[in-house]
Amino acid sequence: MEKTVLVTGATGTIGRDLIKILSENGVPVRAGVRDQAKARKQFGANIALATFDFEDAASFPDSLKDVEKVFLLPPPIPNQVAVTNAFIDATKRAGVRHIVKLSVIGADTEPPFAFGKWHAASDQHVRESGLAFTFLRPNSFMQNFINYFPPRDGAIYLPWGNGRASFVATSQLSPPRHLQATATMEKRTR
C-alpha cells in the first residue's frame, strides 16, 4: 500500500491546489491543518485531515504517522527557522523518506533579505538531515496579481521598472510530478 503525502500549508493557495491535484490523481494525501472543522468545510469529506501546527511540536507525531513524503511550506513567522527545523527533525524520526520544500528564489546564493535567509537556513537543515529532498524555488506567483497588483486599464503594472521576472501559477508549482514522481525516487535531488 502506498504511504501518504502530508501537505503543510494545506489551507492556503498552494496547499489547496496541491491537495486537489494529488487527490484527483489517486495519491493518498493528508492535509496538516490547525482547525479541522474549518478545513473540513474547505476540503469536504474525502481528504484526510491531521491537526498540525508548526508552533506545537506535539502535533507532529500524529500528523506524520504513516507518511512517506512531505510537502513542506514553512510558515511566514519570525521563528520560521526554529519551527521548520524542528519539524524537519520530526519527519526524520517518523521515517519520512522525501521532503519537497517550497523555498524562495536565490536561497542558495546568500540572499540579502530576511525571508530568503530563513529559507536558506532551513534548506541547509534539510540537506543535512540525510532525507531525500526537492527544493521548489519560484520567483513570483501569478495569483499575487489579484491581491497586490490588480490589472488596471488592461495592463498589469509592477514595481520592477524594465526588469524581467518569471511568474508561475500555484497550480503549476504543485502538480503530482513533484510528489507523485517521488514514489520511486531514492536518491537525493537538487
N, C-alpha and C. Protein backbone atom coordinates (compact mmCIF):
# COMPACT_ATOMS: atom_id res chain seq x y z
N MET A 1 0.84 -1.19 0.00
CA MET A 1 0.00 0.00 0.00
C MET A 1 0.87 1.24 0.00
N GLU A 2 0.54 2.18 -0.86
CA GLU A 2 1.30 3.42 -0.96
C GLU A 2 1.05 4.27 0.28
N LYS A 3 2.14 4.82 0.83
CA LYS A 3 2.01 5.66 2.01
C LYS A 3 1.56 7.06 1.63
N THR A 4 1.20 7.80 2.63
CA THR A 4 0.57 9.11 2.48
C THR A 4 1.58 10.23 2.26
N VAL A 5 1.11 11.28 1.59
CA VAL A 5 1.82 12.55 1.45
C VAL A 5 1.15 13.53 2.41
N LEU A 6 1.92 14.11 3.32
CA LEU A 6 1.42 15.16 4.20
C LEU A 6 1.69 16.50 3.55
N VAL A 7 0.66 17.33 3.48
CA VAL A 7 0.81 18.68 2.93
C VAL A 7 0.67 19.69 4.05
N THR A 8 1.73 20.45 4.31
CA THR A 8 1.64 21.55 5.27
C THR A 8 1.24 22.80 4.48
N GLY A 9 0.72 23.79 5.17
CA GLY A 9 0.18 24.96 4.47
C GLY A 9 -1.02 24.58 3.64
N ALA A 10 -1.74 23.58 4.10
CA ALA A 10 -2.79 22.94 3.31
C ALA A 10 -3.97 23.85 2.96
N THR A 11 -4.29 24.81 3.81
CA THR A 11 -5.47 25.64 3.54
C THR A 11 -5.15 26.90 2.76
N GLY A 12 -3.89 27.11 2.43
CA GLY A 12 -3.51 28.26 1.61
C GLY A 12 -3.63 27.95 0.13
N THR A 13 -3.32 28.92 -0.69
CA THR A 13 -3.48 28.78 -2.14
C THR A 13 -2.67 27.61 -2.70
N ILE A 14 -1.41 27.51 -2.33
CA ILE A 14 -0.55 26.46 -2.88
C ILE A 14 -0.97 25.10 -2.34
N GLY A 15 -1.13 24.99 -1.04
CA GLY A 15 -1.51 23.71 -0.44
C GLY A 15 -2.85 23.20 -0.93
N ARG A 16 -3.81 24.11 -1.03
CA ARG A 16 -5.15 23.73 -1.51
C ARG A 16 -5.06 23.17 -2.93
N ASP A 17 -4.32 23.85 -3.81
CA ASP A 17 -4.15 23.35 -5.19
C ASP A 17 -3.46 22.00 -5.21
N LEU A 18 -2.41 21.86 -4.40
CA LEU A 18 -1.66 20.61 -4.37
C LEU A 18 -2.54 19.45 -3.89
N ILE A 19 -3.28 19.66 -2.83
CA ILE A 19 -4.16 18.59 -2.31
C ILE A 19 -5.17 18.17 -3.36
N LYS A 20 -5.75 19.12 -4.03
CA LYS A 20 -6.73 18.81 -5.07
C LYS A 20 -6.10 17.96 -6.17
N ILE A 21 -4.94 18.37 -6.65
CA ILE A 21 -4.28 17.66 -7.75
C ILE A 21 -3.85 16.27 -7.33
N LEU A 22 -3.24 16.15 -6.15
CA LEU A 22 -2.81 14.83 -5.69
C LEU A 22 -4.01 13.90 -5.51
N SER A 23 -5.05 14.40 -4.88
CA SER A 23 -6.25 13.59 -4.65
C SER A 23 -6.87 13.14 -5.96
N GLU A 24 -6.98 14.04 -6.92
CA GLU A 24 -7.56 13.70 -8.22
C GLU A 24 -6.73 12.67 -8.97
N ASN A 25 -5.43 12.56 -8.62
CA ASN A 25 -4.55 11.60 -9.27
C ASN A 25 -4.33 10.34 -8.44
N GLY A 26 -5.17 10.15 -7.43
CA GLY A 26 -5.13 8.92 -6.66
C GLY A 26 -4.00 8.81 -5.65
N VAL A 27 -3.35 9.91 -5.34
CA VAL A 27 -2.27 9.88 -4.36
C VAL A 27 -2.87 10.05 -2.96
N PRO A 28 -2.58 9.14 -2.03
CA PRO A 28 -3.08 9.30 -0.67
C PRO A 28 -2.50 10.58 -0.05
N VAL A 29 -3.36 11.49 0.34
CA VAL A 29 -2.90 12.78 0.83
C VAL A 29 -3.57 13.11 2.16
N ARG A 30 -2.83 13.80 3.00
CA ARG A 30 -3.34 14.25 4.30
C ARG A 30 -3.03 15.74 4.42
N ALA A 31 -4.03 16.50 4.80
CA ALA A 31 -3.87 17.94 5.00
C ALA A 31 -3.52 18.21 6.45
N GLY A 32 -2.37 18.85 6.67
CA GLY A 32 -1.99 19.28 8.01
C GLY A 32 -2.63 20.64 8.27
N VAL A 33 -3.55 20.70 9.23
CA VAL A 33 -4.33 21.93 9.45
C VAL A 33 -4.42 22.25 10.95
N ARG A 34 -4.57 23.52 11.26
CA ARG A 34 -4.76 23.92 12.66
C ARG A 34 -6.20 23.70 13.11
N ASP A 35 -7.15 23.96 12.24
CA ASP A 35 -8.56 23.90 12.60
C ASP A 35 -9.27 22.91 11.69
N GLN A 36 -9.51 21.70 12.21
CA GLN A 36 -10.11 20.65 11.38
C GLN A 36 -11.54 20.98 10.95
N ALA A 37 -12.31 21.61 11.81
CA ALA A 37 -13.70 21.94 11.44
C ALA A 37 -13.72 22.90 10.25
N LYS A 38 -12.89 23.90 10.31
CA LYS A 38 -12.81 24.87 9.21
C LYS A 38 -12.28 24.20 7.93
N ALA A 39 -11.25 23.37 8.08
CA ALA A 39 -10.67 22.69 6.93
C ALA A 39 -11.65 21.69 6.31
N ARG A 40 -12.46 21.03 7.14
CA ARG A 40 -13.43 20.07 6.62
C ARG A 40 -14.39 20.77 5.68
N LYS A 41 -14.80 21.99 6.01
CA LYS A 41 -15.68 22.77 5.12
C LYS A 41 -14.98 23.08 3.80
N GLN A 42 -13.69 23.32 3.86
CA GLN A 42 -12.93 23.64 2.65
C GLN A 42 -12.68 22.42 1.78
N PHE A 43 -12.35 21.28 2.40
CA PHE A 43 -11.94 20.10 1.64
C PHE A 43 -13.04 19.05 1.45
N GLY A 44 -14.10 19.12 2.22
CA GLY A 44 -15.12 18.09 2.13
C GLY A 44 -14.69 16.85 2.88
N ALA A 45 -15.43 15.77 2.67
CA ALA A 45 -15.23 14.55 3.45
C ALA A 45 -14.14 13.63 2.91
N ASN A 46 -13.65 13.84 1.69
CA ASN A 46 -12.75 12.88 1.06
C ASN A 46 -11.27 13.09 1.34
N ILE A 47 -10.89 14.17 2.01
CA ILE A 47 -9.49 14.44 2.29
C ILE A 47 -9.22 14.16 3.77
N ALA A 48 -8.18 13.37 4.02
CA ALA A 48 -7.78 13.09 5.41
C ALA A 48 -7.18 14.35 6.02
N LEU A 49 -7.55 14.63 7.25
CA LEU A 49 -7.05 15.80 7.96
C LEU A 49 -6.25 15.36 9.18
N ALA A 50 -5.23 16.14 9.51
CA ALA A 50 -4.48 15.93 10.74
C ALA A 50 -4.29 17.28 11.40
N THR A 51 -4.52 17.33 12.70
CA THR A 51 -4.25 18.57 13.42
C THR A 51 -2.75 18.80 13.41
N PHE A 52 -2.36 19.97 12.92
CA PHE A 52 -0.94 20.28 12.74
C PHE A 52 -0.72 21.77 12.93
N ASP A 53 0.31 22.09 13.69
CA ASP A 53 0.68 23.49 13.91
C ASP A 53 2.19 23.54 14.06
N PHE A 54 2.87 24.32 13.22
CA PHE A 54 4.33 24.43 13.31
C PHE A 54 4.79 24.85 14.70
N GLU A 55 3.97 25.63 15.40
CA GLU A 55 4.37 26.13 16.72
C GLU A 55 3.95 25.19 17.86
N ASP A 56 3.49 23.99 17.51
CA ASP A 56 3.13 22.99 18.50
C ASP A 56 3.74 21.65 18.09
N ALA A 57 4.96 21.41 18.54
CA ALA A 57 5.67 20.19 18.16
C ALA A 57 4.93 18.92 18.59
N ALA A 58 4.05 19.03 19.56
CA ALA A 58 3.26 17.87 19.98
C ALA A 58 2.30 17.42 18.88
N SER A 59 2.02 18.30 17.91
CA SER A 59 1.12 17.92 16.81
C SER A 59 1.85 17.14 15.71
N PHE A 60 3.18 17.12 15.74
CA PHE A 60 3.94 16.49 14.66
C PHE A 60 3.76 14.98 14.57
N PRO A 61 3.92 14.22 15.65
CA PRO A 61 3.88 12.75 15.51
C PRO A 61 2.61 12.20 14.87
N ASP A 62 1.45 12.65 15.32
CA ASP A 62 0.21 12.13 14.73
C ASP A 62 0.06 12.52 13.28
N SER A 63 0.45 13.73 12.93
CA SER A 63 0.30 14.17 11.54
C SER A 63 1.26 13.42 10.62
N LEU A 64 2.38 12.92 11.16
CA LEU A 64 3.39 12.23 10.36
C LEU A 64 3.23 10.70 10.35
N LYS A 65 2.24 10.19 11.06
CA LYS A 65 2.07 8.73 11.12
C LYS A 65 1.78 8.17 9.73
N ASP A 66 2.59 7.18 9.31
CA ASP A 66 2.46 6.50 8.02
C ASP A 66 2.65 7.44 6.83
N VAL A 67 3.42 8.50 7.01
CA VAL A 67 3.71 9.45 5.93
C VAL A 67 5.06 9.11 5.33
N GLU A 68 5.08 9.06 4.00
CA GLU A 68 6.33 8.77 3.29
C GLU A 68 6.96 10.04 2.72
N LYS A 69 6.11 10.99 2.34
CA LYS A 69 6.59 12.23 1.72
C LYS A 69 5.88 13.41 2.35
N VAL A 70 6.58 14.53 2.41
CA VAL A 70 6.02 15.75 2.98
C VAL A 70 6.21 16.89 2.01
N PHE A 71 5.13 17.66 1.79
CA PHE A 71 5.25 18.95 1.13
C PHE A 71 5.38 19.97 2.24
N LEU A 72 6.54 20.59 2.33
CA LEU A 72 6.87 21.50 3.42
C LEU A 72 6.79 22.94 2.95
N LEU A 73 5.77 23.63 3.42
CA LEU A 73 5.60 25.04 3.14
C LEU A 73 5.77 25.78 4.47
N PRO A 74 6.98 26.30 4.72
CA PRO A 74 7.25 26.94 6.02
C PRO A 74 6.34 28.14 6.27
N PRO A 75 6.00 28.35 7.54
CA PRO A 75 5.12 29.47 7.88
C PRO A 75 5.88 30.81 7.84
N PRO A 76 5.23 31.86 7.39
CA PRO A 76 5.89 33.18 7.34
C PRO A 76 5.83 33.88 8.71
N ILE A 77 6.56 33.33 9.66
CA ILE A 77 6.58 33.87 11.02
C ILE A 77 8.03 34.11 11.44
N PRO A 78 8.27 35.00 12.40
CA PRO A 78 9.65 35.33 12.78
C PRO A 78 10.49 34.15 13.25
N ASN A 79 9.89 33.14 13.86
CA ASN A 79 10.66 31.97 14.31
C ASN A 79 10.58 30.83 13.28
N GLN A 80 10.46 31.20 12.02
CA GLN A 80 10.32 30.21 10.94
C GLN A 80 11.43 29.17 10.96
N VAL A 81 12.66 29.58 11.10
CA VAL A 81 13.78 28.63 11.05
C VAL A 81 13.67 27.61 12.18
N ALA A 82 13.43 28.07 13.39
CA ALA A 82 13.35 27.16 14.53
C ALA A 82 12.22 26.15 14.38
N VAL A 83 11.03 26.62 14.02
CA VAL A 83 9.89 25.69 13.94
C VAL A 83 10.01 24.78 12.72
N THR A 84 10.53 25.30 11.62
CA THR A 84 10.71 24.47 10.43
C THR A 84 11.75 23.39 10.68
N ASN A 85 12.87 23.77 11.29
CA ASN A 85 13.92 22.78 11.57
C ASN A 85 13.45 21.73 12.57
N ALA A 86 12.65 22.13 13.54
CA ALA A 86 12.10 21.15 14.49
C ALA A 86 11.19 20.16 13.74
N PHE A 87 10.42 20.66 12.79
CA PHE A 87 9.56 19.79 12.01
C PHE A 87 10.38 18.85 11.12
N ILE A 88 11.43 19.36 10.51
CA ILE A 88 12.31 18.53 9.68
C ILE A 88 12.88 17.39 10.53
N ASP A 89 13.32 17.71 11.74
CA ASP A 89 13.84 16.67 12.64
C ASP A 89 12.76 15.63 12.95
N ALA A 90 11.53 16.10 13.15
CA ALA A 90 10.42 15.18 13.44
C ALA A 90 10.12 14.28 12.24
N THR A 91 10.25 14.82 11.03
CA THR A 91 10.00 13.99 9.84
C THR A 91 10.99 12.84 9.77
N LYS A 92 12.22 13.15 10.10
CA LYS A 92 13.24 12.10 10.07
C LYS A 92 12.95 11.03 11.12
N ARG A 93 12.60 11.44 12.33
CA ARG A 93 12.27 10.48 13.39
C ARG A 93 11.06 9.62 13.01
N ALA A 94 10.14 10.20 12.26
CA ALA A 94 8.91 9.49 11.88
C ALA A 94 9.12 8.55 10.69
N GLY A 95 10.28 8.59 10.07
CA GLY A 95 10.55 7.70 8.94
C GLY A 95 10.14 8.24 7.59
N VAL A 96 9.87 9.54 7.50
CA VAL A 96 9.58 10.16 6.20
C VAL A 96 10.80 9.96 5.31
N ARG A 97 10.57 9.70 4.04
CA ARG A 97 11.67 9.43 3.11
C ARG A 97 12.02 10.61 2.21
N HIS A 98 11.05 11.51 1.97
CA HIS A 98 11.31 12.58 1.00
C HIS A 98 10.57 13.85 1.41
N ILE A 99 11.28 14.97 1.39
CA ILE A 99 10.68 16.28 1.65
C ILE A 99 10.73 17.09 0.36
N VAL A 100 9.58 17.62 -0.03
CA VAL A 100 9.51 18.60 -1.11
C VAL A 100 9.24 19.93 -0.42
N LYS A 101 10.24 20.82 -0.44
CA LYS A 101 10.15 22.07 0.32
C LYS A 101 9.97 23.26 -0.61
N LEU A 102 8.95 24.04 -0.31
CA LEU A 102 8.79 25.30 -1.03
C LEU A 102 9.75 26.29 -0.40
N SER A 103 10.72 26.71 -1.19
CA SER A 103 11.74 27.65 -0.74
C SER A 103 11.51 28.97 -1.47
N VAL A 104 12.55 29.75 -1.66
CA VAL A 104 12.43 31.01 -2.39
C VAL A 104 13.58 31.12 -3.38
N ILE A 105 13.35 31.86 -4.43
CA ILE A 105 14.39 32.08 -5.42
C ILE A 105 15.60 32.74 -4.75
N GLY A 106 16.77 32.24 -5.08
CA GLY A 106 18.00 32.80 -4.54
C GLY A 106 18.41 32.29 -3.18
N ALA A 107 17.66 31.34 -2.61
CA ALA A 107 18.00 30.85 -1.27
C ALA A 107 19.35 30.15 -1.23
N ASP A 108 19.84 29.73 -2.37
CA ASP A 108 21.13 29.04 -2.42
C ASP A 108 22.30 29.99 -2.69
N THR A 109 22.04 31.30 -2.69
CA THR A 109 23.09 32.27 -3.04
C THR A 109 23.24 33.37 -1.99
N GLU A 110 23.14 33.03 -0.73
CA GLU A 110 23.25 34.01 0.36
C GLU A 110 22.33 35.21 0.13
N PRO A 111 21.05 35.01 0.24
CA PRO A 111 20.10 36.09 -0.04
C PRO A 111 20.26 37.27 0.93
N PRO A 112 20.05 38.49 0.44
CA PRO A 112 20.22 39.67 1.27
C PRO A 112 18.98 40.05 2.08
N PHE A 113 17.90 39.31 1.95
CA PHE A 113 16.66 39.65 2.64
C PHE A 113 16.33 38.58 3.67
N ALA A 114 15.69 38.99 4.77
CA ALA A 114 15.44 38.09 5.91
C ALA A 114 14.71 36.82 5.51
N PHE A 115 13.64 36.95 4.75
CA PHE A 115 12.85 35.78 4.37
C PHE A 115 13.71 34.78 3.60
N GLY A 116 14.57 35.27 2.73
CA GLY A 116 15.48 34.41 1.99
C GLY A 116 16.50 33.73 2.89
N LYS A 117 17.00 34.47 3.87
CA LYS A 117 17.95 33.88 4.82
C LYS A 117 17.30 32.78 5.64
N TRP A 118 16.03 32.99 6.02
CA TRP A 118 15.32 31.95 6.78
C TRP A 118 15.21 30.68 5.95
N HIS A 119 14.83 30.84 4.68
CA HIS A 119 14.71 29.66 3.81
C HIS A 119 16.07 29.01 3.58
N ALA A 120 17.09 29.80 3.39
CA ALA A 120 18.43 29.24 3.19
C ALA A 120 18.83 28.38 4.39
N ALA A 121 18.55 28.85 5.59
CA ALA A 121 18.90 28.10 6.80
C ALA A 121 18.14 26.78 6.89
N SER A 122 16.83 26.82 6.61
CA SER A 122 16.08 25.56 6.70
C SER A 122 16.37 24.65 5.51
N ASP A 123 16.70 25.22 4.34
CA ASP A 123 17.14 24.39 3.21
C ASP A 123 18.40 23.61 3.60
N GLN A 124 19.32 24.29 4.26
CA GLN A 124 20.56 23.64 4.69
C GLN A 124 20.25 22.53 5.70
N HIS A 125 19.31 22.77 6.57
CA HIS A 125 18.92 21.76 7.57
C HIS A 125 18.33 20.53 6.86
N VAL A 126 17.55 20.75 5.82
CA VAL A 126 17.02 19.63 5.03
C VAL A 126 18.18 18.85 4.42
N ARG A 127 19.14 19.56 3.82
CA ARG A 127 20.30 18.88 3.21
C ARG A 127 21.02 18.01 4.23
N GLU A 128 21.21 18.55 5.42
CA GLU A 128 21.97 17.86 6.46
C GLU A 128 21.18 16.73 7.12
N SER A 129 19.87 16.67 6.87
CA SER A 129 19.03 15.66 7.51
C SER A 129 19.28 14.25 7.00
N GLY A 130 19.82 14.14 5.80
CA GLY A 130 20.02 12.83 5.19
C GLY A 130 18.80 12.33 4.44
N LEU A 131 17.68 13.07 4.49
CA LEU A 131 16.48 12.69 3.76
C LEU A 131 16.61 13.08 2.29
N ALA A 132 15.91 12.36 1.43
CA ALA A 132 15.81 12.79 0.03
C ALA A 132 15.00 14.08 0.02
N PHE A 133 15.33 14.96 -0.91
CA PHE A 133 14.63 16.24 -0.92
C PHE A 133 14.55 16.83 -2.32
N THR A 134 13.59 17.71 -2.47
CA THR A 134 13.43 18.52 -3.66
C THR A 134 13.11 19.93 -3.17
N PHE A 135 13.82 20.93 -3.68
CA PHE A 135 13.50 22.31 -3.36
C PHE A 135 12.79 22.94 -4.55
N LEU A 136 11.70 23.60 -4.29
CA LEU A 136 10.99 24.37 -5.31
C LEU A 136 11.26 25.84 -4.98
N ARG A 137 11.79 26.59 -5.96
CA ARG A 137 12.18 27.98 -5.71
C ARG A 137 11.57 28.90 -6.76
N PRO A 138 10.28 29.14 -6.62
CA PRO A 138 9.62 30.03 -7.59
C PRO A 138 10.02 31.49 -7.36
N ASN A 139 9.83 32.28 -8.39
CA ASN A 139 10.13 33.71 -8.31
C ASN A 139 8.94 34.48 -7.78
N SER A 140 7.80 34.35 -8.45
CA SER A 140 6.60 35.07 -8.04
C SER A 140 5.39 34.31 -8.56
N PHE A 141 4.28 34.48 -7.86
CA PHE A 141 3.07 33.75 -8.22
C PHE A 141 2.10 34.63 -8.97
N MET A 142 1.51 34.07 -10.02
CA MET A 142 0.50 34.81 -10.79
C MET A 142 -0.65 35.26 -9.89
N GLN A 143 -0.98 34.44 -8.89
CA GLN A 143 -2.10 34.77 -8.00
C GLN A 143 -1.85 36.06 -7.23
N ASN A 144 -0.58 36.46 -7.06
CA ASN A 144 -0.29 37.70 -6.34
C ASN A 144 -0.84 38.93 -7.05
N PHE A 145 -1.02 38.83 -8.36
CA PHE A 145 -1.57 39.97 -9.09
C PHE A 145 -2.96 40.34 -8.58
N ILE A 146 -3.73 39.32 -8.25
CA ILE A 146 -5.10 39.57 -7.79
C ILE A 146 -5.08 40.39 -6.50
N ASN A 147 -4.19 40.02 -5.58
CA ASN A 147 -4.15 40.69 -4.28
C ASN A 147 -3.32 41.96 -4.26
N TYR A 148 -2.20 41.97 -4.95
CA TYR A 148 -1.25 43.06 -4.78
C TYR A 148 -1.10 43.98 -6.01
N PHE A 149 -1.29 43.43 -7.18
CA PHE A 149 -1.10 44.21 -8.40
C PHE A 149 -2.26 43.98 -9.37
N PRO A 150 -3.47 44.31 -8.97
CA PRO A 150 -4.61 44.02 -9.86
C PRO A 150 -4.48 44.79 -11.18
N PRO A 151 -4.92 44.16 -12.26
CA PRO A 151 -4.85 44.83 -13.56
C PRO A 151 -5.65 46.13 -13.56
N ARG A 152 -5.09 47.13 -14.24
CA ARG A 152 -5.77 48.42 -14.45
C ARG A 152 -5.63 48.78 -15.92
N ASP A 153 -6.69 49.23 -16.50
CA ASP A 153 -6.67 49.66 -17.90
C ASP A 153 -6.12 48.58 -18.83
N GLY A 154 -6.41 47.31 -18.53
CA GLY A 154 -5.98 46.21 -19.39
C GLY A 154 -4.51 45.86 -19.28
N ALA A 155 -3.81 46.39 -18.27
CA ALA A 155 -2.38 46.10 -18.10
C ALA A 155 -2.09 45.80 -16.63
N ILE A 156 -0.98 45.11 -16.43
CA ILE A 156 -0.51 44.83 -15.07
C ILE A 156 0.74 45.66 -14.86
N TYR A 157 0.72 46.49 -13.82
CA TYR A 157 1.85 47.35 -13.51
C TYR A 157 2.60 46.78 -12.31
N LEU A 158 3.90 46.63 -12.46
CA LEU A 158 4.72 46.05 -11.39
C LEU A 158 5.83 47.02 -11.00
N PRO A 159 6.34 46.90 -9.78
CA PRO A 159 7.39 47.81 -9.31
C PRO A 159 8.79 47.40 -9.73
N TRP A 160 8.97 46.93 -10.98
CA TRP A 160 10.26 46.46 -11.44
C TRP A 160 10.88 47.28 -12.55
N GLY A 161 10.31 48.41 -12.88
CA GLY A 161 10.87 49.19 -13.98
C GLY A 161 10.93 48.36 -15.24
N ASN A 162 12.12 48.29 -15.84
CA ASN A 162 12.31 47.49 -17.05
C ASN A 162 12.85 46.09 -16.75
N GLY A 163 12.89 45.73 -15.48
CA GLY A 163 13.40 44.41 -15.10
C GLY A 163 12.47 43.31 -15.57
N ARG A 164 13.03 42.12 -15.68
CA ARG A 164 12.25 40.96 -16.10
C ARG A 164 12.11 39.99 -14.94
N ALA A 165 11.00 39.30 -14.94
CA ALA A 165 10.76 38.30 -13.90
C ALA A 165 9.90 37.20 -14.48
N SER A 166 10.06 36.03 -13.92
CA SER A 166 9.22 34.90 -14.32
C SER A 166 8.11 34.74 -13.30
N PHE A 167 6.99 34.22 -13.73
CA PHE A 167 5.85 34.01 -12.86
C PHE A 167 5.36 32.58 -13.03
N VAL A 168 4.81 32.04 -11.97
CA VAL A 168 4.27 30.70 -12.01
C VAL A 168 2.90 30.71 -11.33
N ALA A 169 1.99 29.95 -11.89
CA ALA A 169 0.69 29.76 -11.23
C ALA A 169 0.87 28.70 -10.17
N THR A 170 0.24 28.85 -9.02
CA THR A 170 0.41 27.87 -7.96
C THR A 170 0.00 26.47 -8.41
N SER A 171 -0.96 26.38 -9.30
CA SER A 171 -1.37 25.06 -9.78
C SER A 171 -0.27 24.41 -10.62
N GLN A 172 0.63 25.20 -11.19
CA GLN A 172 1.74 24.65 -11.95
C GLN A 172 2.92 24.30 -11.06
N LEU A 173 2.99 24.92 -9.90
CA LEU A 173 4.06 24.63 -8.96
C LEU A 173 3.84 23.28 -8.31
N SER A 174 2.60 22.89 -8.15
CA SER A 174 2.32 21.73 -7.33
C SER A 174 1.63 20.56 -8.04
N PRO A 175 1.90 20.33 -9.31
CA PRO A 175 1.31 19.13 -9.90
C PRO A 175 1.90 17.86 -9.31
N PRO A 176 1.26 16.74 -9.56
CA PRO A 176 1.72 15.49 -8.97
C PRO A 176 3.17 15.15 -9.28
N ARG A 177 3.71 15.67 -10.37
CA ARG A 177 5.08 15.29 -10.72
C ARG A 177 6.05 15.61 -9.59
N HIS A 178 5.76 16.60 -8.75
CA HIS A 178 6.67 16.95 -7.67
C HIS A 178 6.58 16.00 -6.49
N LEU A 179 5.47 15.34 -6.32
CA LEU A 179 5.33 14.40 -5.21
C LEU A 179 5.02 12.99 -5.67
N GLN A 180 4.18 12.83 -6.67
CA GLN A 180 3.83 11.50 -7.15
C GLN A 180 5.07 10.83 -7.72
N ALA A 181 5.89 11.58 -8.44
CA ALA A 181 7.08 11.02 -9.06
C ALA A 181 8.12 10.62 -8.03
N THR A 182 8.00 11.10 -6.81
CA THR A 182 8.99 10.74 -5.79
C THR A 182 8.78 9.34 -5.24
N ALA A 183 7.70 8.67 -5.63
CA ALA A 183 7.43 7.33 -5.10
C ALA A 183 8.56 6.36 -5.38
N THR A 184 9.21 6.49 -6.53
CA THR A 184 10.30 5.60 -6.85
C THR A 184 11.66 6.28 -6.74
N MET A 185 11.66 7.52 -6.32
CA MET A 185 12.89 8.28 -6.24
C MET A 185 13.61 7.97 -4.93
N GLU A 186 14.77 7.38 -5.02
CA GLU A 186 15.52 7.01 -3.84
C GLU A 186 16.71 7.93 -3.62
N LYS A 187 17.13 8.63 -4.64
CA LYS A 187 18.32 9.46 -4.50
C LYS A 187 17.95 10.88 -4.11
N ARG A 188 18.88 11.56 -3.57
CA ARG A 188 18.71 12.96 -3.20
C ARG A 188 18.65 13.78 -4.48
N THR A 189 17.72 14.72 -4.54
CA THR A 189 17.62 15.58 -5.72
C THR A 189 18.01 16.98 -5.34
N ARG A 190 18.54 17.68 -6.30
CA ARG A 190 18.96 19.08 -6.06
C ARG A 190 18.53 19.93 -7.20
